[in-house]
Amino acid sequence: MTETKPFWQSKTLWGGVIMILPTVLAFLGVDLTTEETAQIGSVVESIVEAVGFIFVIIGRIGAAKAIGVTPS
């Protein structure tokens, strides 16, 4: 693995946050069902994907070189 990505694009990181969220909320006195936890995970994943897409578009707009194949 040689390529890197920003931490917020890591599904593993978000999975860990979502996995610990019910425990933290229970400690604070809020109980979530398994279904509610799954819904939160789905929403967070969608937000992360949308933010990633926005960064891709911004990167493409600011790119210095065009996309294309150079003949050899």
Protein backbone atom coordinates (compact mmCIF):
# COMPACT_ATOMS: atom_id res chain seq x y z
CA MET A 1 0.00 0.00 0.00
CA THR A 2 1.78 3.15 -1.17
CA GLU A 3 -1.03 5.61 -1.81
CA THR A 4 -2.51 7.66 1.00
CA LYS A 5 -5.82 9.39 1.53
CA PRO A 6 -7.14 11.89 4.05
CA PHE A 7 -8.24 10.34 7.34
CA TRP A 8 -11.84 11.46 6.86
CA GLN A 9 -12.12 9.29 3.72
CA SER A 10 -11.35 6.15 5.70
CA LYS A 11 -14.36 3.89 6.06
CA THR A 12 -12.45 2.03 8.76
CA LEU A 13 -12.13 5.20 10.83
CA TRP A 14 -15.82 6.08 10.42
CA GLY A 15 -16.80 2.49 11.15
CA GLY A 16 -14.87 2.70 14.42
CA VAL A 17 -16.50 6.02 15.32
CA ILE A 18 -19.95 4.63 14.55
CA MET A 19 -19.20 1.44 16.46
CA ILE A 20 -18.20 3.34 19.63
CA LEU A 21 -20.99 5.94 19.31
CA PRO A 22 -23.72 3.83 21.02
CA THR A 23 -21.38 3.14 23.94
CA VAL A 24 -20.58 6.83 24.38
CA LEU A 25 -24.24 7.80 24.06
CA ALA A 26 -25.29 5.08 26.54
CA PHE A 27 -22.73 6.47 28.98
CA LEU A 28 -24.43 9.86 28.50
CA GLY A 29 -27.86 8.33 29.12
CA VAL A 30 -29.04 7.98 25.50
CA ASP A 31 -29.87 4.46 24.27
CA LEU A 32 -29.87 3.67 20.54
CA THR A 33 -31.36 0.63 18.87
CA THR A 34 -29.34 -1.40 16.38
CA GLU A 35 -31.48 0.05 13.59
CA GLU A 36 -30.79 3.63 14.71
CA THR A 37 -27.07 2.91 14.84
CA ALA A 38 -27.16 1.48 11.30
CA GLN A 39 -29.05 4.56 10.07
CA ILE A 40 -26.45 6.86 11.63
CA GLY A 41 -23.71 4.84 9.92
CA SER A 42 -25.44 5.16 6.58
CA VAL A 43 -25.85 8.92 6.96
CA VAL A 44 -22.22 9.42 8.01
CA GLU A 45 -20.99 7.32 5.08
CA SER A 46 -23.11 9.36 2.66
CA ILE A 47 -21.75 12.62 4.08
CA VAL A 48 -18.15 11.41 3.81
CA GLU A 49 -18.71 10.29 0.22
CA ALA A 50 -20.31 13.64 -0.67
CA VAL A 51 -17.41 15.57 0.85
CA GLY A 52 -14.96 13.36 -1.05
CA PHE A 53 -16.83 14.04 -4.29
CA ILE A 54 -16.69 17.79 -3.67
CA PHE A 55 -12.93 17.60 -3.13
CA VAL A 56 -12.55 15.63 -6.38
CA ILE A 57 -14.44 18.31 -8.31
CA ILE A 58 -12.47 21.12 -6.66
CA GLY A 59 -9.22 19.29 -7.43
CA ARG A 60 -10.17 18.81 -11.06
CA ILE A 61 -11.14 22.46 -11.48
CA GLY A 62 -7.85 23.60 -9.96
CA ALA A 63 -5.71 21.08 -11.86
CA ALA A 64 -2.88 22.47 -13.96
CA LYS A 65 -2.97 19.74 -16.62
CA ALA A 66 -5.75 18.29 -18.73
CA ILE A 67 -6.78 14.67 -18.52
CA GLY A 68 -5.86 12.65 -21.57
CA VAL A 69 -3.74 9.96 -23.09
CA THR A 70 -0.51 10.96 -24.74
CA PRO A 71 0.42 9.05 -27.89
CA SER A 72 3.59 6.99 -27.60
